[in-house]
């Protein structure tokens, strides 16, 4: 089962000018709609004097959560060409916002489509595209006496240790690649005995 996807490593920008109008594109890596809303709010506040704040985003391993917005431009002349660039690079978990400062000369439908498409493409050309894995986050609680065994499983399954706490028991927060999750849990279960139990709490799937 597929558990990898392409996205961008960090924020990037692009610029396109045509007949006095300036189109500035901002591409962001995002994980959820809350992050999208926050980035949109930040751009709208910082560039409050721009005529339009158009955008498109795509979320999820299969990229089945998406939206486009023309923000007052003629229908499908802004959001759709921006989204087209996300699709052409096969990206997900990405938001692209393109703001426009109007130059006083109308560009027409074709001109707008080209401007928003080119600005978005420029932002992505300046971004580093990376492959990421879809992970599950879990917390495991176990006795100190099996610490070495647990750490070996973490290493063998290429899981990532996010945080740790040591009280009466050991508590580790672990990020496990989705395709390795079942194998990881089965190996932990094998460490259980009459006197030692490993508790697994799923934090995020």
C-alpha atoms as a PDB file:
ATOM      1  CA  UNK A   1       0.000   0.000   0.000  1.00  0.00           C
ATOM      2  CA  UNK A   2       1.319   3.426  -0.937  1.00  0.00           C
ATOM      3  CA  UNK A   3       2.505   5.451   2.048  1.00  0.00           C
ATOM      4  CA  UNK A   4       4.737   8.066   0.376  1.00  0.00           C
ATOM      5  CA  UNK A   5       3.950  11.407  -1.226  1.00  0.00           C
ATOM      6  CA  UNK A   6       5.700  14.412  -2.753  1.00  0.00           C
ATOM      7  CA  UNK A   7       5.547  17.846  -1.156  1.00  0.00           C
ATOM      8  CA  UNK A   8       7.812  20.877  -0.718  1.00  0.00           C
ATOM      9  CA  UNK A   9      10.386  21.183   2.040  1.00  0.00           C
ATOM     10  CA  UNK A  10       9.781  24.812   2.995  1.00  0.00           C
ATOM     11  CA  UNK A  11       8.112  28.056   1.913  1.00  0.00           C
ATOM     12  CA  UNK A  12       9.117  29.465  -1.467  1.00  0.00           C
ATOM     13  CA  UNK A  13       8.133  32.433  -3.626  1.00  0.00           C
ATOM     14  CA  UNK A  14       7.672  33.320  -7.265  1.00  0.00           C
ATOM     15  CA  UNK A  15       7.054  36.532  -9.222  1.00  0.00           C
ATOM     16  CA  UNK A  16       5.463  37.329 -12.579  1.00  0.00           C
ATOM     17  CA  UNK A  17       4.774  40.725 -14.145  1.00  0.00           C
ATOM     18  CA  UNK A  18       2.549  41.594 -17.097  1.00  0.00           C
ATOM     19  CA  UNK A  19       1.369  45.012 -18.356  1.00  0.00           C
ATOM     20  CA  UNK A  20       1.989  46.668 -14.998  1.00  0.00           C
ATOM     21  CA  UNK A  21       0.270  44.006 -12.899  1.00  0.00           C
ATOM     22  CA  UNK A  22       2.468  42.146 -10.427  1.00  0.00           C
ATOM     23  CA  UNK A  23       1.689  38.577  -9.333  1.00  0.00           C
ATOM     24  CA  UNK A  24       3.531  37.304  -6.259  1.00  0.00           C
ATOM     25  CA  UNK A  25       3.193  33.600  -5.439  1.00  0.00           C
ATOM     26  CA  UNK A  26       3.805  31.939  -2.078  1.00  0.00           C
ATOM     27  CA  UNK A  27       4.027  28.148  -1.771  1.00  0.00           C
ATOM     28  CA  UNK A  28       3.722  26.537   1.669  1.00  0.00           C
ATOM     29  CA  UNK A  29       4.034  22.970   2.943  1.00  0.00           C
ATOM     30  CA  UNK A  30       0.898  22.304   5.042  1.00  0.00           C
ATOM     31  CA  UNK A  31      -0.519  19.346   6.964  1.00  0.00           C
ATOM     32  CA  UNK A  32      -4.112  20.376   7.607  1.00  0.00           C
ATOM     33  CA  UNK A  33      -6.750  23.022   6.952  1.00  0.00           C
ATOM     34  CA  UNK A  34      -5.920  24.926  10.150  1.00  0.00           C
ATOM     35  CA  UNK A  35      -2.417  25.597   8.810  1.00  0.00           C
ATOM     36  CA  UNK A  36      -3.938  26.671   5.503  1.00  0.00           C
ATOM     37  CA  UNK A  37      -6.240  29.170   7.229  1.00  0.00           C
ATOM     38  CA  UNK A  38      -3.344  30.573   9.251  1.00  0.00           C
ATOM     39  CA  UNK A  39      -1.128  31.065   6.182  1.00  0.00           C
ATOM     40  CA  UNK A  40      -3.972  32.731   4.281  1.00  0.00           C
ATOM     41  CA  UNK A  41      -4.643  35.057   7.192  1.00  0.00           C
ATOM     42  CA  UNK A  42      -0.962  35.978   7.473  1.00  0.00           C
ATOM     43  CA  UNK A  43      -0.653  36.779   3.756  1.00  0.00           C
ATOM     44  CA  UNK A  44      -3.872  38.805   3.721  1.00  0.00           C
ATOM     45  CA  UNK A  45      -2.682  40.866   6.685  1.00  0.00           C
ATOM     46  CA  UNK A  46       0.824  41.440   5.333  1.00  0.00           C
ATOM     47  CA  UNK A  47      -0.330  42.212   1.773  1.00  0.00           C
ATOM     48  CA  UNK A  48      -3.613  43.887   2.665  1.00  0.00           C
ATOM     49  CA  UNK A  49      -3.264  46.341  -0.227  1.00  0.00           C
ATOM     50  CA  UNK A  50      -3.190  43.649  -2.954  1.00  0.00           C
ATOM     51  CA  UNK A  51      -6.239  43.594  -5.235  1.00  0.00           C
ATOM     52  CA  UNK A  52      -6.649  39.778  -5.102  1.00  0.00           C
ATOM     53  CA  UNK A  53      -5.486  36.911  -2.880  1.00  0.00           C
ATOM     54  CA  UNK A  54      -6.114  33.791  -4.976  1.00  0.00           C
ATOM     55  CA  UNK A  55      -5.111  30.305  -3.911  1.00  0.00           C
ATOM     56  CA  UNK A  56      -5.301  26.547  -4.301  1.00  0.00           C
ATOM     57  CA  UNK A  57      -4.372  23.696  -2.006  1.00  0.00           C
ATOM     58  CA  UNK A  58      -4.221  19.919  -1.949  1.00  0.00           C
ATOM     59  CA  UNK A  59      -4.084  17.652   1.117  1.00  0.00           C
ATOM     60  CA  UNK A  60      -3.857  13.963   1.936  1.00  0.00           C
ATOM     61  CA  UNK A  61      -1.877  10.955   0.788  1.00  0.00           C
ATOM     62  CA  UNK A  62      -4.158  10.545  -2.229  1.00  0.00           C
ATOM     63  CA  UNK A  63      -4.595  14.313  -2.662  1.00  0.00           C
ATOM     64  CA  UNK A  64      -8.370  13.983  -2.460  1.00  0.00           C
ATOM     65  CA  UNK A  65      -8.844  17.099  -0.313  1.00  0.00           C
ATOM     66  CA  UNK A  66      -8.441  20.220  -2.420  1.00  0.00           C
ATOM     67  CA  UNK A  67      -9.881  23.654  -3.103  1.00  0.00           C
ATOM     68  CA  UNK A  68      -9.386  26.555  -5.489  1.00  0.00           C
ATOM     69  CA  UNK A  69     -10.372  30.211  -4.995  1.00  0.00           C
ATOM     70  CA  UNK A  70     -10.412  33.039  -7.574  1.00  0.00           C
ATOM     71  CA  UNK A  71     -10.993  35.810  -4.998  1.00  0.00           C
ATOM     72  CA  UNK A  72     -12.908  38.068  -7.375  1.00  0.00           C
ATOM     73  CA  UNK A  73     -11.033  37.266 -10.577  1.00  0.00           C
ATOM     74  CA  UNK A  74     -13.150  35.856 -13.470  1.00  0.00           C
ATOM     75  CA  UNK A  75     -14.182  32.249 -12.808  1.00  0.00           C
ATOM     76  CA  UNK A  76     -11.399  29.661 -13.248  1.00  0.00           C
ATOM     77  CA  UNK A  77      -8.747  32.212 -14.241  1.00  0.00           C
ATOM     78  CA  UNK A  78      -6.763  32.080 -10.991  1.00  0.00           C
ATOM     79  CA  UNK A  79      -7.415  29.212  -8.578  1.00  0.00           C
ATOM     80  CA  UNK A  80      -7.662  26.550 -11.269  1.00  0.00           C
ATOM     81  CA  UNK A  81      -4.355  27.369 -13.039  1.00  0.00           C
ATOM     82  CA  UNK A  82      -2.650  27.557  -9.623  1.00  0.00           C
ATOM     83  CA  UNK A  83      -4.048  24.131  -8.752  1.00  0.00           C
ATOM     84  CA  UNK A  84      -2.920  22.850 -12.135  1.00  0.00           C
ATOM     85  CA  UNK A  85       0.693  23.500 -11.149  1.00  0.00           C
ATOM     86  CA  UNK A  86       0.260  21.479  -7.951  1.00  0.00           C
ATOM     87  CA  UNK A  87      -1.106  18.597 -10.024  1.00  0.00           C
ATOM     88  CA  UNK A  88       1.570  18.861 -12.721  1.00  0.00           C
ATOM     89  CA  UNK A  89       4.249  18.370 -10.040  1.00  0.00           C
ATOM     90  CA  UNK A  90       2.206  15.579  -8.392  1.00  0.00           C
ATOM     91  CA  UNK A  91       2.332  17.372  -5.038  1.00  0.00           C
ATOM     92  CA  UNK A  92       0.103  17.191  -1.998  1.00  0.00           C
ATOM     93  CA  UNK A  93       0.078  18.871   1.419  1.00  0.00           C
ATOM     94  CA  UNK A  94       0.775  22.103  -0.423  1.00  0.00           C
ATOM     95  CA  UNK A  95      -0.855  25.545  -0.437  1.00  0.00           C
ATOM     96  CA  UNK A  96      -0.092  28.168  -3.099  1.00  0.00           C
ATOM     97  CA  UNK A  97      -1.318  31.747  -2.714  1.00  0.00           C
ATOM     98  CA  UNK A  98      -0.893  34.252  -5.543  1.00  0.00           C
ATOM     99  CA  UNK A  99      -1.556  37.909  -4.813  1.00  0.00           C
ATOM    100  CA  UNK A 100      -2.089  40.506  -7.524  1.00  0.00           C
ATOM    101  CA  UNK A 101      -1.286  44.176  -7.607  1.00  0.00           C
ATOM    102  CA  UNK A 102      -3.329  45.593 -10.488  1.00  0.00           C
ATOM    103  CA  UNK A 103      -1.352  47.598 -13.036  1.00  0.00           C
ATOM    104  CA  UNK A 104      -4.288  49.416 -14.627  1.00  0.00           C
ATOM    105  CA  UNK A 105      -4.465  47.370 -17.826  1.00  0.00           C
ATOM    106  CA  UNK A 106      -6.876  44.431 -18.180  1.00  0.00           C
ATOM    107  CA  UNK A 107      -5.149  41.191 -19.152  1.00  0.00           C
ATOM    108  CA  UNK A 108      -8.165  39.252 -20.411  1.00  0.00           C
ATOM    109  CA  UNK A 109      -9.010  35.657 -19.592  1.00  0.00           C
ATOM    110  CA  UNK A 110      -5.991  34.154 -21.331  1.00  0.00           C
ATOM    111  CA  UNK A 111      -3.630  36.676 -19.803  1.00  0.00           C
ATOM    112  CA  UNK A 112      -4.915  36.014 -16.286  1.00  0.00           C
ATOM    113  CA  UNK A 113      -4.662  32.253 -16.651  1.00  0.00           C
ATOM    114  CA  UNK A 114      -1.093  32.577 -17.877  1.00  0.00           C
ATOM    115  CA  UNK A 115      -0.145  35.025 -15.123  1.00  0.00           C
ATOM    116  CA  UNK A 116      -1.448  32.911 -12.229  1.00  0.00           C
ATOM    117  CA  UNK A 117      -0.083  29.719 -13.750  1.00  0.00           C
ATOM    118  CA  UNK A 118       3.363  31.235 -14.325  1.00  0.00           C
ATOM    119  CA  UNK A 119       3.602  32.807 -10.871  1.00  0.00           C
ATOM    120  CA  UNK A 120       2.659  29.489  -9.216  1.00  0.00           C
ATOM    121  CA  UNK A 121       5.119  27.603 -11.421  1.00  0.00           C
ATOM    122  CA  UNK A 122       7.868  30.058 -10.470  1.00  0.00           C
ATOM    123  CA  UNK A 123       7.213  29.501  -6.747  1.00  0.00           C
ATOM    124  CA  UNK A 124       7.427  25.729  -7.201  1.00  0.00           C
ATOM    125  CA  UNK A 125      10.576  26.004  -9.317  1.00  0.00           C
ATOM    126  CA  UNK A 126      12.176  27.789  -6.362  1.00  0.00           C
ATOM    127  CA  UNK A 127      11.040  25.088  -3.920  1.00  0.00           C
ATOM    128  CA  UNK A 128      12.803  21.874  -2.978  1.00  0.00           C
ATOM    129  CA  UNK A 129      10.474  18.958  -3.697  1.00  0.00           C
ATOM    130  CA  UNK A 130      10.857  16.078  -1.246  1.00  0.00           C
ATOM    131  CA  UNK A 131       9.335  12.658  -0.674  1.00  0.00           C
ATOM    132  CA  UNK A 132       7.721  12.075   2.722  1.00  0.00           C
ATOM    133  CA  UNK A 133       6.081   9.080   4.370  1.00  0.00           C
ATOM    134  CA  UNK A 134       2.632   8.834   5.910  1.00  0.00           C
ATOM    135  CA  UNK A 135       3.268   7.983   9.566  1.00  0.00           C
ATOM    136  CA  UNK A 136       1.357   6.806  12.623  1.00  0.00           C
ATOM    137  CA  UNK A 137       2.235   8.311  16.007  1.00  0.00           C
ATOM    138  CA  UNK A 138       1.981   6.108  19.081  1.00  0.00           C
ATOM    139  CA  UNK A 139       3.014   6.125  22.718  1.00  0.00           C
ATOM    140  CA  UNK A 140       4.476   2.965  24.198  1.00  0.00           C
ATOM    141  CA  UNK A 141       4.748   2.370  27.938  1.00  0.00           C
ATOM    142  CA  UNK A 142       6.961  -0.451  29.165  1.00  0.00           C
ATOM    143  CA  UNK A 143       9.161  -1.748  31.949  1.00  0.00           C
ATOM    144  CA  UNK A 144      12.808  -0.675  32.161  1.00  0.00           C
ATOM    145  CA  UNK A 145      13.961  -4.295  31.958  1.00  0.00           C
ATOM    146  CA  UNK A 146      13.056  -4.576  28.254  1.00  0.00           C
ATOM    147  CA  UNK A 147      14.389  -1.203  27.153  1.00  0.00           C
ATOM    148  CA  UNK A 148      17.088  -2.726  24.926  1.00  0.00           C
ATOM    149  CA  UNK A 149      14.555  -5.003  23.230  1.00  0.00           C
ATOM    150  CA  UNK A 150      12.179  -2.103  22.554  1.00  0.00           C
ATOM    151  CA  UNK A 151      14.963   0.086  21.191  1.00  0.00           C
ATOM    152  CA  UNK A 152      16.068  -2.704  18.850  1.00  0.00           C
ATOM    153  CA  UNK A 153      12.537  -2.959  17.407  1.00  0.00           C
ATOM    154  CA  UNK A 154      12.441   0.812  16.939  1.00  0.00           C
ATOM    155  CA  UNK A 155      15.732   0.629  15.044  1.00  0.00           C
ATOM    156  CA  UNK A 156      14.773  -2.432  12.968  1.00  0.00           C
ATOM    157  CA  UNK A 157      11.462  -0.878  11.859  1.00  0.00           C
ATOM    158  CA  UNK A 158      13.111   2.502  11.177  1.00  0.00           C
ATOM    159  CA  UNK A 159      10.707   4.237  13.578  1.00  0.00           C
ATOM    160  CA  UNK A 160      11.496   7.698  14.908  1.00  0.00           C
ATOM    161  CA  UNK A 161      11.601   8.576  18.585  1.00  0.00           C
ATOM    162  CA  UNK A 162       9.813  11.890  19.117  1.00  0.00           C
ATOM    163  CA  UNK A 163       9.890  12.232  22.909  1.00  0.00           C
ATOM    164  CA  UNK A 164      10.593  10.244  26.056  1.00  0.00           C
ATOM    165  CA  UNK A 165       9.666  10.308  29.737  1.00  0.00           C
ATOM    166  CA  UNK A 166      10.985   8.164  32.547  1.00  0.00           C
ATOM    167  CA  UNK A 167       8.818   7.776  35.644  1.00  0.00           C
ATOM    168  CA  UNK A 168       7.757   4.452  37.124  1.00  0.00           C
ATOM    169  CA  UNK A 169       7.757   3.145  33.576  1.00  0.00           C
ATOM    170  CA  UNK A 170       9.434   4.164  30.345  1.00  0.00           C
ATOM    171  CA  UNK A 171       7.219   6.205  28.003  1.00  0.00           C
ATOM    172  CA  UNK A 172       8.223   6.838  24.414  1.00  0.00           C
ATOM    173  CA  UNK A 173       6.356   8.677  21.677  1.00  0.00           C
ATOM    174  CA  UNK A 174       7.172   7.038  18.380  1.00  0.00           C
ATOM    175  CA  UNK A 175       6.466   7.880  14.748  1.00  0.00           C
ATOM    176  CA  UNK A 176       6.132   4.747  12.606  1.00  0.00           C
ATOM    177  CA  UNK A 177       5.864   4.589   8.843  1.00  0.00           C
ATOM    178  CA  UNK A 178       2.346   3.365   7.997  1.00  0.00           C
ATOM    179  CA  UNK A 179       3.551   0.354   6.003  1.00  0.00           C
ATOM    180  CA  UNK A 180       5.717  -0.739   8.956  1.00  0.00           C
ATOM    181  CA  UNK A 181       3.053  -0.180  11.615  1.00  0.00           C
ATOM    182  CA  UNK A 182       1.556  -3.689  11.799  1.00  0.00           C
ATOM    183  CA  UNK A 183       4.977  -5.317  11.912  1.00  0.00           C
ATOM    184  CA  UNK A 184       6.094  -2.886  14.621  1.00  0.00           C
ATOM    185  CA  UNK A 185       3.072  -3.662  16.836  1.00  0.00           C
ATOM    186  CA  UNK A 186       3.406  -7.424  16.361  1.00  0.00           C
ATOM    187  CA  UNK A 187       7.057  -7.333  17.446  1.00  0.00           C
ATOM    188  CA  UNK A 188       6.124  -5.332  20.543  1.00  0.00           C
ATOM    189  CA  UNK A 189       3.449  -7.870  21.446  1.00  0.00           C
ATOM    190  CA  UNK A 190       6.056 -10.645  21.406  1.00  0.00           C
ATOM    191  CA  UNK A 191       7.824  -8.933  24.303  1.00  0.00           C
ATOM    192  CA  UNK A 192       4.789  -9.304  26.557  1.00  0.00           C
ATOM    193  CA  UNK A 193       4.955 -11.848  29.363  1.00  0.00           C
ATOM    194  CA  UNK A 194       3.072 -12.627  32.561  1.00  0.00           C
ATOM    195  CA  UNK A 195       4.962  -9.959  34.453  1.00  0.00           C
ATOM    196  CA  UNK A 196       5.658  -7.407  31.706  1.00  0.00           C
ATOM    197  CA  UNK A 197       3.039  -5.704  29.552  1.00  0.00           C
ATOM    198  CA  UNK A 198       3.599  -3.110  26.867  1.00  0.00           C
ATOM    199  CA  UNK A 199       0.846  -0.532  26.601  1.00  0.00           C
ATOM    200  CA  UNK A 200       0.326   1.018  23.166  1.00  0.00           C
ATOM    201  CA  UNK A 201      -1.656   4.260  22.797  1.00  0.00           C
ATOM    202  CA  UNK A 202      -2.382   5.498  19.289  1.00  0.00           C
ATOM    203  CA  UNK A 203      -1.885   9.283  19.143  1.00  0.00           C
ATOM    204  CA  UNK A 204      -2.388   9.871  15.426  1.00  0.00           C
ATOM    205  CA  UNK A 205      -3.152   7.720  12.384  1.00  0.00           C
END
